[in-house]
Amino acid sequence: MELKDKIYIVTGGSSGLGKAMALALIENGAKVIITGRDADKLKRVGEEINATTFHADVASDSDIEALFEFVKTEFGSLDGLINNAGIGDWAAIDEMDRAKMKHVFEINVFGASMMASHAAKMFKKQNYGDIVNIASTASQKGFKMGSIYAASKFALRGLSQCWQAELRPHNVRVIQINPSEVPTAFSAEDRQERPLEDNKLRPKEIADVLIATLKMDRRGFIPEVSVFATNPF
């Protein structure tokens, strides 16, 4: 499938995986709307990669509604949603609290769900569209101190499978991509990008997988794909 002139939303598109995926889509001729919570950074990155920007927090229903109204007004249609916005928090079982869990689930689970819900309404009317959930290999296997983050990604994996069952009859593909560790600004308090490491993935590898899955002819789709570093130690 050609991506030229297709329209995509990439949440969390101003850094890390989101920025790399948005840039890859643009380099393939797509029109991309990136969202983020840091308005200044969003504007700067939008100008850098030639993306349309919309300041929005996926934890806010009013922001999400405004975003989709903007897309309908400015573009008239939508070809795909890349649910990339996400945060992490780690705690031992005896140090967990409700507030930490709610904070992570608000973005990783509830935010992704509300974004997908709005996109699905458009896609069902069009009888086509793509939802790509950027999850994690933590959606497949838990790890020490990972209760909060892994639980949110396990939840997202369950959502992906439910949406696949619901939306396939409407020619809508739901794809989940599971990156293993990628050095980015993810979970960094100062939100600064971490330096790349020779033995770990780059955002580019995840962007490459995104483009490959989207370019497949619409008669087929890849429900889930995981990406690991070849030699991470």
C-alpha atoms as a PDB file:
ATOM      1  CA  MET A   1       0.000   0.000   0.000  1.00  0.00           C
ATOM      2  CA  GLU A   2       1.356   3.408  -0.933  1.00  0.00           C
ATOM      3  CA  LEU A   3       1.643   5.891   1.932  1.00  0.00           C
ATOM      4  CA  LYS A   4       1.823   8.995  -0.252  1.00  0.00           C
ATOM      5  CA  ASP A   5      -0.791  11.574   0.778  1.00  0.00           C
ATOM      6  CA  LYS A   6      -2.156   9.284   3.493  1.00  0.00           C
ATOM      7  CA  ILE A   7      -3.028  11.049   6.756  1.00  0.00           C
ATOM      8  CA  TYR A   8      -1.752   9.809  10.112  1.00  0.00           C
ATOM      9  CA  ILE A   9      -1.870  10.924  13.727  1.00  0.00           C
ATOM     10  CA  VAL A  10       1.187  10.077  15.846  1.00  0.00           C
ATOM     11  CA  THR A  11       0.689  10.666  19.566  1.00  0.00           C
ATOM     12  CA  GLY A  12       3.776  11.502  21.562  1.00  0.00           C
ATOM     13  CA  GLY A  13       5.331  12.537  18.282  1.00  0.00           C
ATOM     14  CA  SER A  14       7.826  15.131  19.462  1.00  0.00           C
ATOM     15  CA  SER A  15      10.602  12.774  20.581  1.00  0.00           C
ATOM     16  CA  GLY A  16      11.971   9.238  20.561  1.00  0.00           C
ATOM     17  CA  LEU A  17       9.948   6.582  18.796  1.00  0.00           C
ATOM     18  CA  GLY A  18       7.131   8.972  17.945  1.00  0.00           C
ATOM     19  CA  LYS A  19       9.397  11.455  16.204  1.00  0.00           C
ATOM     20  CA  ALA A  20      11.185   8.675  14.278  1.00  0.00           C
ATOM     21  CA  MET A  21       7.898   7.138  13.129  1.00  0.00           C
ATOM     22  CA  ALA A  22       6.436  10.500  12.144  1.00  0.00           C
ATOM     23  CA  LEU A  23       9.556  11.311  10.126  1.00  0.00           C
ATOM     24  CA  ALA A  24       9.492   7.917   8.397  1.00  0.00           C
ATOM     25  CA  LEU A  25       5.859   8.419   7.409  1.00  0.00           C
ATOM     26  CA  ILE A  26       6.632  11.889   6.063  1.00  0.00           C
ATOM     27  CA  GLU A  27       9.612  10.580   4.105  1.00  0.00           C
ATOM     28  CA  ASN A  28       7.198   8.123   2.491  1.00  0.00           C
ATOM     29  CA  GLY A  29       4.932  10.959   1.402  1.00  0.00           C
ATOM     30  CA  ALA A  30       2.354  10.849   4.185  1.00  0.00           C
ATOM     31  CA  LYS A  31       0.805  13.846   5.921  1.00  0.00           C
ATOM     32  CA  VAL A  32       1.355  13.582   9.663  1.00  0.00           C
ATOM     33  CA  ILE A  33      -0.190  15.279  12.688  1.00  0.00           C
ATOM     34  CA  ILE A  34       1.980  14.894  15.782  1.00  0.00           C
ATOM     35  CA  THR A  35       0.693  15.527  19.295  1.00  0.00           C
ATOM     36  CA  GLY A  36       2.442  16.103  22.589  1.00  0.00           C
ATOM     37  CA  ARG A  37       2.161  17.806  25.967  1.00  0.00           C
ATOM     38  CA  ASP A  38       5.162  20.139  25.621  1.00  0.00           C
ATOM     39  CA  ALA A  39       3.905  22.869  23.276  1.00  0.00           C
ATOM     40  CA  ASP A  40       7.310  24.457  22.618  1.00  0.00           C
ATOM     41  CA  LYS A  41       9.028  21.162  21.886  1.00  0.00           C
ATOM     42  CA  LEU A  42       6.118  20.059  19.718  1.00  0.00           C
ATOM     43  CA  LYS A  43       6.301  23.239  17.630  1.00  0.00           C
ATOM     44  CA  ARG A  44      10.073  22.919  17.226  1.00  0.00           C
ATOM     45  CA  VAL A  45       9.935  19.285  16.131  1.00  0.00           C
ATOM     46  CA  GLY A  46       6.983  19.929  13.819  1.00  0.00           C
ATOM     47  CA  GLU A  47       8.999  22.565  11.982  1.00  0.00           C
ATOM     48  CA  GLU A  48      12.057  20.293  11.912  1.00  0.00           C
ATOM     49  CA  ILE A  49      10.317  17.296  10.296  1.00  0.00           C
ATOM     50  CA  ASN A  50       7.579  19.190   8.426  1.00  0.00           C
ATOM     51  CA  ALA A  51       4.713  17.736  10.451  1.00  0.00           C
ATOM     52  CA  THR A  52       1.437  19.383  11.414  1.00  0.00           C
ATOM     53  CA  THR A  53       1.271  19.853  15.178  1.00  0.00           C
ATOM     54  CA  PHE A  54      -1.602  19.760  17.638  1.00  0.00           C
ATOM     55  CA  HIS A  55      -0.954  20.395  21.306  1.00  0.00           C
ATOM     56  CA  ALA A  56      -2.867  17.672  23.137  1.00  0.00           C
ATOM     57  CA  ASP A  57      -2.642  15.371  26.128  1.00  0.00           C
ATOM     58  CA  VAL A  58      -4.177  11.917  25.579  1.00  0.00           C
ATOM     59  CA  ALA A  59      -5.195  11.942  29.251  1.00  0.00           C
ATOM     60  CA  SER A  60      -7.666  14.734  28.426  1.00  0.00           C
ATOM     61  CA  ASP A  61     -10.947  13.845  26.706  1.00  0.00           C
ATOM     62  CA  SER A  62     -11.467  17.457  25.665  1.00  0.00           C
ATOM     63  CA  ASP A  63      -8.020  17.546  24.034  1.00  0.00           C
ATOM     64  CA  ILE A  64      -8.776  14.325  22.151  1.00  0.00           C
ATOM     65  CA  GLU A  65     -12.132  15.628  20.937  1.00  0.00           C
ATOM     66  CA  ALA A  66     -10.518  18.871  19.791  1.00  0.00           C
ATOM     67  CA  LEU A  67      -7.799  16.936  17.964  1.00  0.00           C
ATOM     68  CA  PHE A  68     -10.260  14.854  15.967  1.00  0.00           C
ATOM     69  CA  GLU A  69     -12.381  17.891  15.143  1.00  0.00           C
ATOM     70  CA  PHE A  70      -9.214  19.556  13.849  1.00  0.00           C
ATOM     71  CA  VAL A  71      -8.368  16.538  11.691  1.00  0.00           C
ATOM     72  CA  LYS A  72     -11.892  16.405  10.241  1.00  0.00           C
ATOM     73  CA  THR A  73     -11.862  20.141   9.495  1.00  0.00           C
ATOM     74  CA  GLU A  74      -8.337  20.401   8.110  1.00  0.00           C
ATOM     75  CA  PHE A  75      -7.980  17.031   6.344  1.00  0.00           C
ATOM     76  CA  GLY A  76     -11.481  15.595   5.989  1.00  0.00           C
ATOM     77  CA  SER A  77     -10.370  12.007   6.623  1.00  0.00           C
ATOM     78  CA  LEU A  78      -7.834   9.905   8.486  1.00  0.00           C
ATOM     79  CA  ASP A  79      -5.893   6.861   7.308  1.00  0.00           C
ATOM     80  CA  GLY A  80      -4.208   5.795  10.501  1.00  0.00           C
ATOM     81  CA  LEU A  81      -3.629   6.379  14.195  1.00  0.00           C
ATOM     82  CA  ILE A  82      -0.267   5.582  15.768  1.00  0.00           C
ATOM     83  CA  ASN A  83      -0.927   5.209  19.507  1.00  0.00           C
ATOM     84  CA  ASN A  84       2.584   5.942  20.718  1.00  0.00           C
ATOM     85  CA  ALA A  85       2.169   8.223  23.756  1.00  0.00           C
ATOM     86  CA  GLY A  86       3.201   6.395  26.887  1.00  0.00           C
ATOM     87  CA  ILE A  87       4.901   6.745  30.238  1.00  0.00           C
ATOM     88  CA  GLY A  88       6.527   4.364  32.702  1.00  0.00           C
ATOM     89  CA  ASP A  89       6.786   3.909  36.433  1.00  0.00           C
ATOM     90  CA  TRP A  90       8.447   1.128  38.387  1.00  0.00           C
ATOM     91  CA  ALA A  91       7.894  -0.113  41.916  1.00  0.00           C
ATOM     92  CA  ALA A  92       8.278  -3.236  44.002  1.00  0.00           C
ATOM     93  CA  ILE A  93       5.000  -4.907  44.942  1.00  0.00           C
ATOM     94  CA  ASP A  94       5.246  -3.638  48.526  1.00  0.00           C
ATOM     95  CA  GLU A  95       5.920  -0.075  47.366  1.00  0.00           C
ATOM     96  CA  MET A  96       3.085   0.314  44.878  1.00  0.00           C
ATOM     97  CA  ASP A  97       0.286   2.796  45.355  1.00  0.00           C
ATOM     98  CA  ARG A  98      -2.960   3.571  43.594  1.00  0.00           C
ATOM     99  CA  ALA A  99      -1.866   7.020  42.406  1.00  0.00           C
ATOM    100  CA  LYS A 100       1.173   5.655  40.527  1.00  0.00           C
ATOM    101  CA  MET A 101      -0.910   3.003  38.798  1.00  0.00           C
ATOM    102  CA  LYS A 102      -3.647   5.465  37.856  1.00  0.00           C
ATOM    103  CA  HIS A 103      -1.129   7.894  36.393  1.00  0.00           C
ATOM    104  CA  VAL A 104       0.406   5.295  34.067  1.00  0.00           C
ATOM    105  CA  PHE A 105      -2.904   3.702  33.084  1.00  0.00           C
ATOM    106  CA  GLU A 106      -4.404   7.118  32.355  1.00  0.00           C
ATOM    107  CA  ILE A 107      -2.039   7.523  29.414  1.00  0.00           C
ATOM    108  CA  ASN A 108      -0.960   4.016  28.398  1.00  0.00           C
ATOM    109  CA  VAL A 109      -4.409   2.428  28.578  1.00  0.00           C
ATOM    110  CA  PHE A 110      -7.225   4.965  28.896  1.00  0.00           C
ATOM    111  CA  GLY A 111      -5.624   7.539  26.599  1.00  0.00           C
ATOM    112  CA  ALA A 112      -4.857   4.957  23.910  1.00  0.00           C
ATOM    113  CA  SER A 113      -8.408   3.613  24.215  1.00  0.00           C
ATOM    114  CA  MET A 114     -10.079   7.001  23.810  1.00  0.00           C
ATOM    115  CA  MET A 115      -7.866   7.867  20.848  1.00  0.00           C
ATOM    116  CA  ALA A 116      -8.741   4.542  19.224  1.00  0.00           C
ATOM    117  CA  SER A 117     -12.437   5.021  19.947  1.00  0.00           C
ATOM    118  CA  HIS A 118     -12.529   8.327  18.073  1.00  0.00           C
ATOM    119  CA  ALA A 119     -10.455   6.922  15.219  1.00  0.00           C
ATOM    120  CA  ALA A 120     -12.658   3.835  14.958  1.00  0.00           C
ATOM    121  CA  LYS A 121     -15.758   5.982  14.439  1.00  0.00           C
ATOM    122  CA  MET A 122     -14.110   7.576  11.417  1.00  0.00           C
ATOM    123  CA  PHE A 123     -12.703   4.294  10.119  1.00  0.00           C
ATOM    124  CA  LYS A 124     -16.018   2.437  10.309  1.00  0.00           C
ATOM    125  CA  LYS A 125     -17.674   5.159   8.246  1.00  0.00           C
ATOM    126  CA  GLN A 126     -14.840   5.039   5.699  1.00  0.00           C
ATOM    127  CA  ASN A 127     -14.631   1.233   5.799  1.00  0.00           C
ATOM    128  CA  TYR A 128     -10.845   1.376   6.130  1.00  0.00           C
ATOM    129  CA  GLY A 129      -8.092   2.572   8.447  1.00  0.00           C
ATOM    130  CA  ASP A 130      -5.183   1.451  10.608  1.00  0.00           C
ATOM    131  CA  ILE A 131      -4.649   1.591  14.360  1.00  0.00           C
ATOM    132  CA  VAL A 132      -1.083   0.870  15.444  1.00  0.00           C
ATOM    133  CA  ASN A 133      -0.490   0.424  19.170  1.00  0.00           C
ATOM    134  CA  ILE A 134       3.099   0.884  20.285  1.00  0.00           C
ATOM    135  CA  ALA A 135       3.300  -1.439  23.258  1.00  0.00           C
ATOM    136  CA  SER A 136       6.424  -3.196  24.533  1.00  0.00           C
ATOM    137  CA  THR A 137       7.950  -6.612  24.975  1.00  0.00           C
ATOM    138  CA  ALA A 138       6.781  -5.992  28.550  1.00  0.00           C
ATOM    139  CA  SER A 139       3.290  -6.751  27.216  1.00  0.00           C
ATOM    140  CA  GLN A 140       4.406 -10.369  26.816  1.00  0.00           C
ATOM    141  CA  LYS A 141       6.477 -11.009  29.916  1.00  0.00           C
ATOM    142  CA  GLY A 142       6.626  -9.288  33.267  1.00  0.00           C
ATOM    143  CA  PHE A 143       9.858  -8.365  35.009  1.00  0.00           C
ATOM    144  CA  LYS A 144      11.139  -7.402  38.437  1.00  0.00           C
ATOM    145  CA  MET A 145       9.813  -3.982  39.551  1.00  0.00           C
ATOM    146  CA  GLY A 146       7.660  -3.890  36.420  1.00  0.00           C
ATOM    147  CA  SER A 147       4.189  -4.391  37.880  1.00  0.00           C
ATOM    148  CA  ILE A 148       2.833  -0.973  36.929  1.00  0.00           C
ATOM    149  CA  TYR A 149       4.350  -0.629  33.473  1.00  0.00           C
ATOM    150  CA  ALA A 150       3.963  -4.258  32.405  1.00  0.00           C
ATOM    151  CA  ALA A 151       0.355  -4.332  33.594  1.00  0.00           C
ATOM    152  CA  SER A 152      -0.431  -1.296  31.435  1.00  0.00           C
ATOM    153  CA  LYS A 153       1.150  -2.921  28.388  1.00  0.00           C
ATOM    154  CA  PHE A 154      -0.525  -6.281  29.048  1.00  0.00           C
ATOM    155  CA  ALA A 155      -3.778  -4.303  29.094  1.00  0.00           C
ATOM    156  CA  LEU A 156      -2.922  -2.627  25.802  1.00  0.00           C
ATOM    157  CA  ARG A 157      -2.208  -6.029  24.267  1.00  0.00           C
ATOM    158  CA  GLY A 158      -5.644  -7.231  25.343  1.00  0.00           C
ATOM    159  CA  LEU A 159      -7.200  -4.118  23.859  1.00  0.00           C
ATOM    160  CA  SER A 160      -5.373  -4.680  20.565  1.00  0.00           C
ATOM    161  CA  GLN A 161      -6.792  -8.184  20.321  1.00  0.00           C
ATOM    162  CA  CYS A 162     -10.335  -7.016  21.127  1.00  0.00           C
ATOM    163  CA  TRP A 163     -10.157  -4.252  18.548  1.00  0.00           C
ATOM    164  CA  GLN A 164      -8.840  -6.656  15.934  1.00  0.00           C
ATOM    165  CA  ALA A 165     -11.901  -8.860  16.438  1.00  0.00           C
ATOM    166  CA  GLU A 166     -14.280  -5.898  16.306  1.00  0.00           C
ATOM    167  CA  LEU A 167     -12.803  -3.945  13.425  1.00  0.00           C
ATOM    168  CA  ARG A 168     -11.672  -6.557  10.894  1.00  0.00           C
ATOM    169  CA  PRO A 169     -15.196  -6.696   9.383  1.00  0.00           C
ATOM    170  CA  HIS A 170     -14.833  -2.955   8.683  1.00  0.00           C
ATOM    171  CA  ASN A 171     -11.520  -3.337   6.812  1.00  0.00           C
ATOM    172  CA  VAL A 172      -9.667  -1.782   9.746  1.00  0.00           C
ATOM    173  CA  ARG A 173      -6.285  -3.229  10.671  1.00  0.00           C
ATOM    174  CA  VAL A 174      -5.120  -3.151  14.298  1.00  0.00           C
ATOM    175  CA  ILE A 175      -1.389  -3.758  14.642  1.00  0.00           C
ATOM    176  CA  GLN A 176       0.658  -3.972  17.829  1.00  0.00           C
ATOM    177  CA  ILE A 177       4.398  -3.292  17.775  1.00  0.00           C
ATOM    178  CA  ASN A 178       6.455  -4.395  20.782  1.00  0.00           C
ATOM    179  CA  PRO A 179       9.863  -2.710  21.044  1.00  0.00           C
ATOM    180  CA  SER A 180      12.386  -4.027  23.515  1.00  0.00           C
ATOM    181  CA  GLU A 181      14.733  -1.464  25.068  1.00  0.00           C
ATOM    182  CA  VAL A 182      15.356   1.649  22.970  1.00  0.00           C
ATOM    183  CA  PRO A 183      17.366   4.546  24.472  1.00  0.00           C
ATOM    184  CA  THR A 184      15.026   7.571  24.253  1.00  0.00           C
ATOM    185  CA  ALA A 185      13.665  10.273  26.551  1.00  0.00           C
ATOM    186  CA  PHE A 186      11.060   7.763  27.753  1.00  0.00           C
ATOM    187  CA  SER A 187      10.723   7.897  31.561  1.00  0.00           C
ATOM    188  CA  ALA A 188      13.574  10.419  31.833  1.00  0.00           C
ATOM    189  CA  GLU A 189      12.667  13.121  34.343  1.00  0.00           C
ATOM    190  CA  ASP A 190      14.383  15.848  32.314  1.00  0.00           C
ATOM    191  CA  ARG A 191      12.805  14.529  29.063  1.00  0.00           C
ATOM    192  CA  GLN A 192      16.204  14.648  27.373  1.00  0.00           C
ATOM    193  CA  GLU A 193      16.982  11.989  24.760  1.00  0.00           C
ATOM    194  CA  ARG A 194      19.409   9.339  25.949  1.00  0.00           C
ATOM    195  CA  PRO A 195      22.430   8.645  23.728  1.00  0.00           C
ATOM    196  CA  LEU A 196      22.138   5.690  21.363  1.00  0.00           C
ATOM    197  CA  GLU A 197      24.031   2.520  22.244  1.00  0.00           C
ATOM    198  CA  ASP A 198      25.669   0.194  19.719  1.00  0.00           C
ATOM    199  CA  ASN A 199      24.115  -2.943  21.196  1.00  0.00           C
ATOM    200  CA  LYS A 200      20.570  -1.618  21.612  1.00  0.00           C
ATOM    201  CA  LEU A 201      17.784  -0.716  19.237  1.00  0.00           C
ATOM    202  CA  ARG A 202      17.398   2.738  17.756  1.00  0.00           C
ATOM    203  CA  PRO A 203      14.055   4.472  17.157  1.00  0.00           C
ATOM    204  CA  LYS A 204      14.741   3.878  13.450  1.00  0.00           C
ATOM    205  CA  GLU A 205      14.274   0.107  13.810  1.00  0.00           C
ATOM    206  CA  ILE A 206      10.783   0.647  15.188  1.00  0.00           C
ATOM    207  CA  ALA A 207      10.000   3.183  12.465  1.00  0.00           C
ATOM    208  CA  ASP A 208      11.163   0.666   9.842  1.00  0.00           C
ATOM    209  CA  VAL A 209       8.779  -1.953  11.244  1.00  0.00           C
ATOM    210  CA  LEU A 210       5.907   0.545  11.260  1.00  0.00           C
ATOM    211  CA  ILE A 211       6.422   1.400   7.592  1.00  0.00           C
ATOM    212  CA  ALA A 212       6.708  -2.265   6.610  1.00  0.00           C
ATOM    213  CA  THR A 213       3.458  -3.188   8.364  1.00  0.00           C
ATOM    214  CA  LEU A 214       1.543  -0.265   6.889  1.00  0.00           C
ATOM    215  CA  LYS A 215       2.807  -0.868   3.351  1.00  0.00           C
ATOM    216  CA  MET A 216       1.418  -4.398   3.259  1.00  0.00           C
ATOM    217  CA  ASP A 217      -1.531  -4.645   0.875  1.00  0.00           C
ATOM    218  CA  ARG A 218      -4.773  -4.047   2.766  1.00  0.00           C
ATOM    219  CA  ARG A 219      -5.892  -7.624   2.169  1.00  0.00           C
ATOM    220  CA  GLY A 220      -3.509  -8.634   4.964  1.00  0.00           C
ATOM    221  CA  PHE A 221      -2.122  -7.328   8.225  1.00  0.00           C
ATOM    222  CA  ILE A 222       0.350  -8.268  10.953  1.00  0.00           C
ATOM    223  CA  PRO A 223      -1.533  -8.487  14.273  1.00  0.00           C
ATOM    224  CA  GLU A 224       1.583  -8.232  16.435  1.00  0.00           C
ATOM    225  CA  VAL A 225       5.321  -7.952  15.939  1.00  0.00           C
ATOM    226  CA  SER A 226       8.141  -7.774  18.494  1.00  0.00           C
ATOM    227  CA  VAL A 227      11.531  -6.188  17.896  1.00  0.00           C
ATOM    228  CA  PHE A 228      14.554  -7.190  19.956  1.00  0.00           C
ATOM    229  CA  ALA A 229      18.174  -6.066  19.836  1.00  0.00           C
ATOM    230  CA  THR A 230      20.353  -8.792  18.340  1.00  0.00           C
ATOM    231  CA  ASN A 231      23.037  -8.671  21.032  1.00  0.00           C
ATOM    232  CA  PRO A 232      21.900  -6.411  23.887  1.00  0.00           C
ATOM    233  CA  PHE A 233      24.589  -7.263  26.441  1.00  0.00           C
END
